[in-house]
Each structure stands twice: as structure tokens, then as C-alpha cells.
Amino acid sequence: AKALGRGEKEADQYLEKNYRDDLNENEARKLAVSTIEAGEKKIGKFDKKAVEMIVIKK
């Protein structure tokens, strides 16, 4: 997993600490939002309700 863009250093650190290969879909969704939040902390306010997400399954 890799973060790109604003706050990527903090987001990458969060991913390194919290990512697991065996995440289920719900855990992966939560991890994605929490990773964005970690990257945005130093930037300012973050609203989880503003995140739009899709899931692509094989």
C-alpha cells in the first residue's frame, strides 16, 4: 500500500503501522479513511463524511 499527494509521509507511516494482508472489506474501508485522516492532520480539518469511496472486487 502506498499513499500519494499531500500528507503522504504521515499517511504512509500510518499504513505501515496498520496495514495487514488479511483485512476484510470493512476493515479496508476504515483503514482507507483513517489513512487519509492521518495525512490531513497537519493540514487542518478533516471531515470523514466528505470521503466518497468505491470498492472494486474481482
PDB file of N, CA and C in Angstrom:
ATOM      1  N   ALA A   1       0.854  -1.182   0.000  1.00  0.00           N
ATOM      2  CA  ALA A   1       0.000   0.000   0.000  1.00  0.00           C
ATOM      3  C   ALA A   1       0.891   1.234   0.000  1.00  0.00           C
ATOM      4  N   LYS A   2       0.445   2.264  -0.685  1.00  0.00           N
ATOM      5  CA  LYS A   2       1.226   3.495  -0.820  1.00  0.00           C
ATOM      6  C   LYS A   2       0.290   4.682  -0.900  1.00  0.00           C
ATOM      7  N   ALA A   3       0.631   5.738  -0.183  1.00  0.00           N
ATOM      8  CA  ALA A   3      -0.117   6.990  -0.242  1.00  0.00           C
ATOM      9  C   ALA A   3       0.612   7.957  -1.166  1.00  0.00           C
ATOM     10  N   LEU A   4      -0.152   8.779  -1.848  1.00  0.00           N
ATOM     11  CA  LEU A   4       0.411   9.794  -2.738  1.00  0.00           C
ATOM     12  C   LEU A   4      -0.253  11.131  -2.472  1.00  0.00           C
ATOM     13  N   GLY A   5       0.512  12.202  -2.642  1.00  0.00           N
ATOM     14  CA  GLY A   5      -0.071  13.536  -2.538  1.00  0.00           C
ATOM     15  C   GLY A   5       0.190  14.190  -1.200  1.00  0.00           C
ATOM     16  N   ARG A   6      -0.628  15.195  -0.935  1.00  0.00           N
ATOM     17  CA  ARG A   6      -0.496  15.984   0.283  1.00  0.00           C
ATOM     18  C   ARG A   6      -0.592  15.076   1.506  1.00  0.00           C
ATOM     19  N   GLY A   7       0.354  15.198   2.419  1.00  0.00           N
ATOM     20  CA  GLY A   7       0.351  14.412   3.648  1.00  0.00           C
ATOM     21  C   GLY A   7       0.785  12.967   3.461  1.00  0.00           C
ATOM     22  N   GLU A   8       1.455  12.679   2.325  1.00  0.00           N
ATOM     23  CA  GLU A   8       1.781  11.278   2.041  1.00  0.00           C
ATOM     24  C   GLU A   8       2.745  10.664   3.054  1.00  0.00           C
ATOM     25  N   LYS A   9       3.653  11.451   3.612  1.00  0.00           N
ATOM     26  CA  LYS A   9       4.601  10.896   4.589  1.00  0.00           C
ATOM     27  C   LYS A   9       3.849  10.352   5.805  1.00  0.00           C
ATOM     28  N   GLU A  10       2.948  11.150   6.341  1.00  0.00           N
ATOM     29  CA  GLU A  10       2.174  10.732   7.506  1.00  0.00           C
ATOM     30  C   GLU A  10       1.243   9.571   7.159  1.00  0.00           C
ATOM     31  N   ALA A  11       0.637   9.640   5.981  1.00  0.00           N
ATOM     32  CA  ALA A  11      -0.266   8.574   5.546  1.00  0.00           C
ATOM     33  C   ALA A  11       0.499   7.268   5.349  1.00  0.00           C
ATOM     34  N   ASP A  12       1.674   7.333   4.734  1.00  0.00           N
ATOM     35  CA  ASP A  12       2.492   6.128   4.550  1.00  0.00           C
ATOM     36  C   ASP A  12       2.881   5.514   5.892  1.00  0.00           C
ATOM     37  N   GLN A  13       3.236   6.364   6.843  1.00  0.00           N
ATOM     38  CA  GLN A  13       3.594   5.862   8.168  1.00  0.00           C
ATOM     39  C   GLN A  13       2.403   5.160   8.815  1.00  0.00           C
ATOM     40  N   TYR A  14       1.220   5.740   8.649  1.00  0.00           N
ATOM     41  CA  TYR A  14       0.014   5.132   9.201  1.00  0.00           C
ATOM     42  C   TYR A  14      -0.245   3.776   8.547  1.00  0.00           C
ATOM     43  N   LEU A  15      -0.104   3.718   7.225  1.00  0.00           N
ATOM     44  CA  LEU A  15      -0.308   2.457   6.508  1.00  0.00           C
ATOM     45  C   LEU A  15       0.686   1.388   6.955  1.00  0.00           C
ATOM     46  N   GLU A  16       1.951   1.771   7.083  1.00  0.00           N
ATOM     47  CA  GLU A  16       2.976   0.812   7.506  1.00  0.00           C
ATOM     48  C   GLU A  16       2.635   0.207   8.863  1.00  0.00           C
ATOM     49  N   LYS A  17       2.068   1.025   9.730  1.00  0.00           N
ATOM     50  CA  LYS A  17       1.739   0.572  11.077  1.00  0.00           C
ATOM     51  C   LYS A  17       0.451  -0.262  11.115  1.00  0.00           C
ATOM     52  N   ASN A  18      -0.514   0.032  10.249  1.00  0.00           N
ATOM     53  CA  ASN A  18      -1.850  -0.543  10.391  1.00  0.00           C
ATOM     54  C   ASN A  18      -2.303  -1.494   9.291  1.00  0.00           C
ATOM     55  N   TYR A  19      -1.586  -1.558   8.175  1.00  0.00           N
ATOM     56  CA  TYR A  19      -1.999  -2.437   7.075  1.00  0.00           C
ATOM     57  C   TYR A  19      -1.695  -3.895   7.400  1.00  0.00           C
ATOM     58  N   ARG A  20      -2.629  -4.773   7.038  1.00  0.00           N
ATOM     59  CA  ARG A  20      -2.435  -6.226   7.140  1.00  0.00           C
ATOM     60  C   ARG A  20      -2.940  -6.848   5.845  1.00  0.00           C
ATOM     61  N   ASP A  21      -2.328  -7.937   5.431  1.00  0.00           N
ATOM     62  CA  ASP A  21      -2.757  -8.632   4.213  1.00  0.00           C
ATOM     63  C   ASP A  21      -4.146  -9.247   4.346  1.00  0.00           C
ATOM     64  N   ASP A  22      -4.567  -9.524   5.566  1.00  0.00           N
ATOM     65  CA  ASP A  22      -5.833 -10.234   5.765  1.00  0.00           C
ATOM     66  C   ASP A  22      -7.013  -9.322   6.133  1.00  0.00           C
ATOM     67  N   LEU A  23      -6.948  -8.042   5.784  1.00  0.00           N
ATOM     68  CA  LEU A  23      -8.051  -7.127   6.080  1.00  0.00           C
ATOM     69  C   LEU A  23      -9.304  -7.552   5.323  1.00  0.00           C
ATOM     70  N   ASN A  24     -10.450  -7.523   6.008  1.00  0.00           N
ATOM     71  CA  ASN A  24     -11.697  -7.755   5.288  1.00  0.00           C
ATOM     72  C   ASN A  24     -12.140  -6.418   4.667  1.00  0.00           C
ATOM     73  N   GLU A  25     -13.210  -6.439   3.895  1.00  0.00           N
ATOM     74  CA  GLU A  25     -13.630  -5.225   3.181  1.00  0.00           C
ATOM     75  C   GLU A  25     -13.933  -4.068   4.127  1.00  0.00           C
ATOM     76  N   ASN A  26     -14.640  -4.322   5.200  1.00  0.00           N
ATOM     77  CA  ASN A  26     -14.986  -3.260   6.139  1.00  0.00           C
ATOM     78  C   ASN A  26     -13.732  -2.678   6.792  1.00  0.00           C
ATOM     79  N   GLU A  27     -12.806  -3.536   7.186  1.00  0.00           N
ATOM     80  CA  GLU A  27     -11.551  -3.070   7.788  1.00  0.00           C
ATOM     81  C   GLU A  27     -10.746  -2.248   6.782  1.00  0.00           C
ATOM     82  N   ALA A  28     -10.738  -2.666   5.529  1.00  0.00           N
ATOM     83  CA  ALA A  28     -10.002  -1.937   4.492  1.00  0.00           C
ATOM     84  C   ALA A  28     -10.604  -0.556   4.261  1.00  0.00           C
ATOM     85  N   ARG A  29     -11.930  -0.468   4.283  1.00  0.00           N
ATOM     86  CA  ARG A  29     -12.594   0.838   4.133  1.00  0.00           C
ATOM     87  C   ARG A  29     -12.205   1.769   5.282  1.00  0.00           C
ATOM     88  N   LYS A  30     -12.260   1.237   6.503  1.00  0.00           N
ATOM     89  CA  LYS A  30     -11.897   2.042   7.673  1.00  0.00           C
ATOM     90  C   LYS A  30     -10.436   2.470   7.608  1.00  0.00           C
ATOM     91  N   LEU A  31      -9.568   1.560   7.177  1.00  0.00           N
ATOM     92  CA  LEU A  31      -8.150   1.881   7.052  1.00  0.00           C
ATOM     93  C   LEU A  31      -7.940   2.995   6.028  1.00  0.00           C
ATOM     94  N   ALA A  32      -8.651   2.937   4.918  1.00  0.00           N
ATOM     95  CA  ALA A  32      -8.513   3.966   3.883  1.00  0.00           C
ATOM     96  C   ALA A  32      -8.871   5.342   4.429  1.00  0.00           C
ATOM     97  N   VAL A  33      -9.989   5.442   5.122  1.00  0.00           N
ATOM     98  CA  VAL A  33     -10.421   6.729   5.670  1.00  0.00           C
ATOM     99  C   VAL A  33      -9.457   7.193   6.760  1.00  0.00           C
ATOM    100  N   SER A  34      -9.037   6.295   7.623  1.00  0.00           N
ATOM    101  CA  SER A  34      -8.100   6.656   8.695  1.00  0.00           C
ATOM    102  C   SER A  34      -6.749   7.083   8.138  1.00  0.00           C
ATOM    103  N   THR A  35      -6.339   6.491   7.033  1.00  0.00           N
ATOM    104  CA  THR A  35      -5.076   6.865   6.396  1.00  0.00           C
ATOM    105  C   THR A  35      -5.157   8.279   5.837  1.00  0.00           C
ATOM    106  N   ILE A  36      -6.267   8.600   5.188  1.00  0.00           N
ATOM    107  CA  ILE A  36      -6.463   9.969   4.684  1.00  0.00           C
ATOM    108  C   ILE A  36      -6.453  10.945   5.852  1.00  0.00           C
ATOM    109  N   GLU A  37      -7.145  10.592   6.917  1.00  0.00           N
ATOM    110  CA  GLU A  37      -7.198  11.444   8.104  1.00  0.00           C
ATOM    111  C   GLU A  37      -5.799  11.675   8.679  1.00  0.00           C
ATOM    112  N   ALA A  38      -4.988  10.635   8.737  1.00  0.00           N
ATOM    113  CA  ALA A  38      -3.618  10.755   9.251  1.00  0.00           C
ATOM    114  C   ALA A  38      -2.797  11.706   8.388  1.00  0.00           C
ATOM    115  N   GLY A  39      -2.981  11.634   7.091  1.00  0.00           N
ATOM    116  CA  GLY A  39      -2.257  12.513   6.180  1.00  0.00           C
ATOM    117  C   GLY A  39      -2.712  13.954   6.248  1.00  0.00           C
ATOM    118  N   GLU A  40      -3.958  14.169   6.626  1.00  0.00           N
ATOM    119  CA  GLU A  40      -4.523  15.519   6.668  1.00  0.00           C
ATOM    120  C   GLU A  40      -4.359  16.208   8.020  1.00  0.00           C
ATOM    121  N   LYS A  41      -3.910  15.494   9.032  1.00  0.00           N
ATOM    122  CA  LYS A  41      -3.843  16.065  10.386  1.00  0.00           C
ATOM    123  C   LYS A  41      -3.089  17.385  10.448  1.00  0.00           C
ATOM    124  N   LYS A  42      -1.922  17.444   9.827  1.00  0.00           N
ATOM    125  CA  LYS A  42      -1.134  18.678   9.915  1.00  0.00           C
ATOM    126  C   LYS A  42      -1.678  19.774   9.001  1.00  0.00           C
ATOM    127  N   ILE A  43      -2.523  19.406   8.047  1.00  0.00           N
ATOM    128  CA  ILE A  43      -3.099  20.375   7.115  1.00  0.00           C
ATOM    129  C   ILE A  43      -4.256  21.117   7.770  1.00  0.00           C
ATOM    130  N   GLY A  44      -5.040  20.399   8.542  1.00  0.00           N
ATOM    131  CA  GLY A  44      -6.187  21.033   9.189  1.00  0.00           C
ATOM    132  C   GLY A  44      -7.359  20.093   9.335  1.00  0.00           C
ATOM    133  N   LYS A  45      -8.529  20.651   9.245  1.00  0.00           N
ATOM    134  CA  LYS A  45      -9.779  19.944   9.488  1.00  0.00           C
ATOM    135  C   LYS A  45     -10.047  18.857   8.442  1.00  0.00           C
ATOM    136  N   PHE A  46     -10.524  17.713   8.903  1.00  0.00           N
ATOM    137  CA  PHE A  46     -10.865  16.601   8.011  1.00  0.00           C
ATOM    138  C   PHE A  46     -12.268  16.127   8.342  1.00  0.00           C
ATOM    139  N   ASP A  47     -13.110  15.999   7.325  1.00  0.00           N
ATOM    140  CA  ASP A  47     -14.487  15.548   7.507  1.00  0.00           C
ATOM    141  C   ASP A  47     -14.665  14.192   6.833  1.00  0.00           C
ATOM    142  N   LYS A  48     -14.821  13.149   7.628  1.00  0.00           N
ATOM    143  CA  LYS A  48     -14.986  11.798   7.085  1.00  0.00           C
ATOM    144  C   LYS A  48     -16.193  11.703   6.160  1.00  0.00           C
ATOM    145  N   LYS A  49     -17.196  12.526   6.400  1.00  0.00           N
ATOM    146  CA  LYS A  49     -18.407  12.500   5.575  1.00  0.00           C
ATOM    147  C   LYS A  49     -18.144  12.992   4.157  1.00  0.00           C
ATOM    148  N   ALA A  50     -17.033  13.677   3.945  1.00  0.00           N
ATOM    149  CA  ALA A  50     -16.707  14.206   2.618  1.00  0.00           C
ATOM    150  C   ALA A  50     -16.013  13.170   1.729  1.00  0.00           C
ATOM    151  N   VAL A  51     -15.683  12.017   2.283  1.00  0.00           N
ATOM    152  CA  VAL A  51     -14.984  10.976   1.530  1.00  0.00           C
ATOM    153  C   VAL A  51     -15.992  10.141   0.743  1.00  0.00           C
ATOM    154  N   GLU A  52     -15.735  10.012  -0.549  1.00  0.00           N
ATOM    155  CA  GLU A  52     -16.529   9.119  -1.393  1.00  0.00           C
ATOM    156  C   GLU A  52     -15.633   7.956  -1.782  1.00  0.00           C
ATOM    157  N   MET A  53     -16.180   6.750  -1.752  1.00  0.00           N
ATOM    158  CA  MET A  53     -15.365   5.568  -1.968  1.00  0.00           C
ATOM    159  C   MET A  53     -16.129   4.545  -2.807  1.00  0.00           C
ATOM    160  N   ILE A  54     -15.384   3.844  -3.648  1.00  0.00           N
ATOM    161  CA  ILE A  54     -15.949   2.697  -4.352  1.00  0.00           C
ATOM    162  C   ILE A  54     -15.082   1.489  -4.050  1.00  0.00           C
ATOM    163  N   VAL A  55     -15.659   0.321  -4.152  1.00  0.00           N
ATOM    164  CA  VAL A  55     -14.921  -0.920  -3.945  1.00  0.00           C
ATOM    165  C   VAL A  55     -15.017  -1.726  -5.231  1.00  0.00           C
ATOM    166  N   ILE A  56     -13.869  -2.128  -5.731  1.00  0.00           N
ATOM    167  CA  ILE A  56     -13.815  -2.954  -6.936  1.00  0.00           C
ATOM    168  C   ILE A  56     -13.412  -4.361  -6.510  1.00  0.00           C
ATOM    169  N   LYS A  57     -14.245  -5.317  -6.847  1.00  0.00           N
ATOM    170  CA  LYS A  57     -13.972  -6.713  -6.491  1.00  0.00           C
ATOM    171  C   LYS A  57     -13.697  -7.507  -7.753  1.00  0.00           C
ATOM    172  N   LYS A  58     -12.898  -8.572  -7.602  1.00  0.00           N
ATOM    173  CA  LYS A  58     -12.640  -9.412  -8.766  1.00  0.00           C
ATOM    174  C   LYS A  58     -13.832 -10.286  -9.042  1.00  0.00           C
TER     175      LYS A  58
END
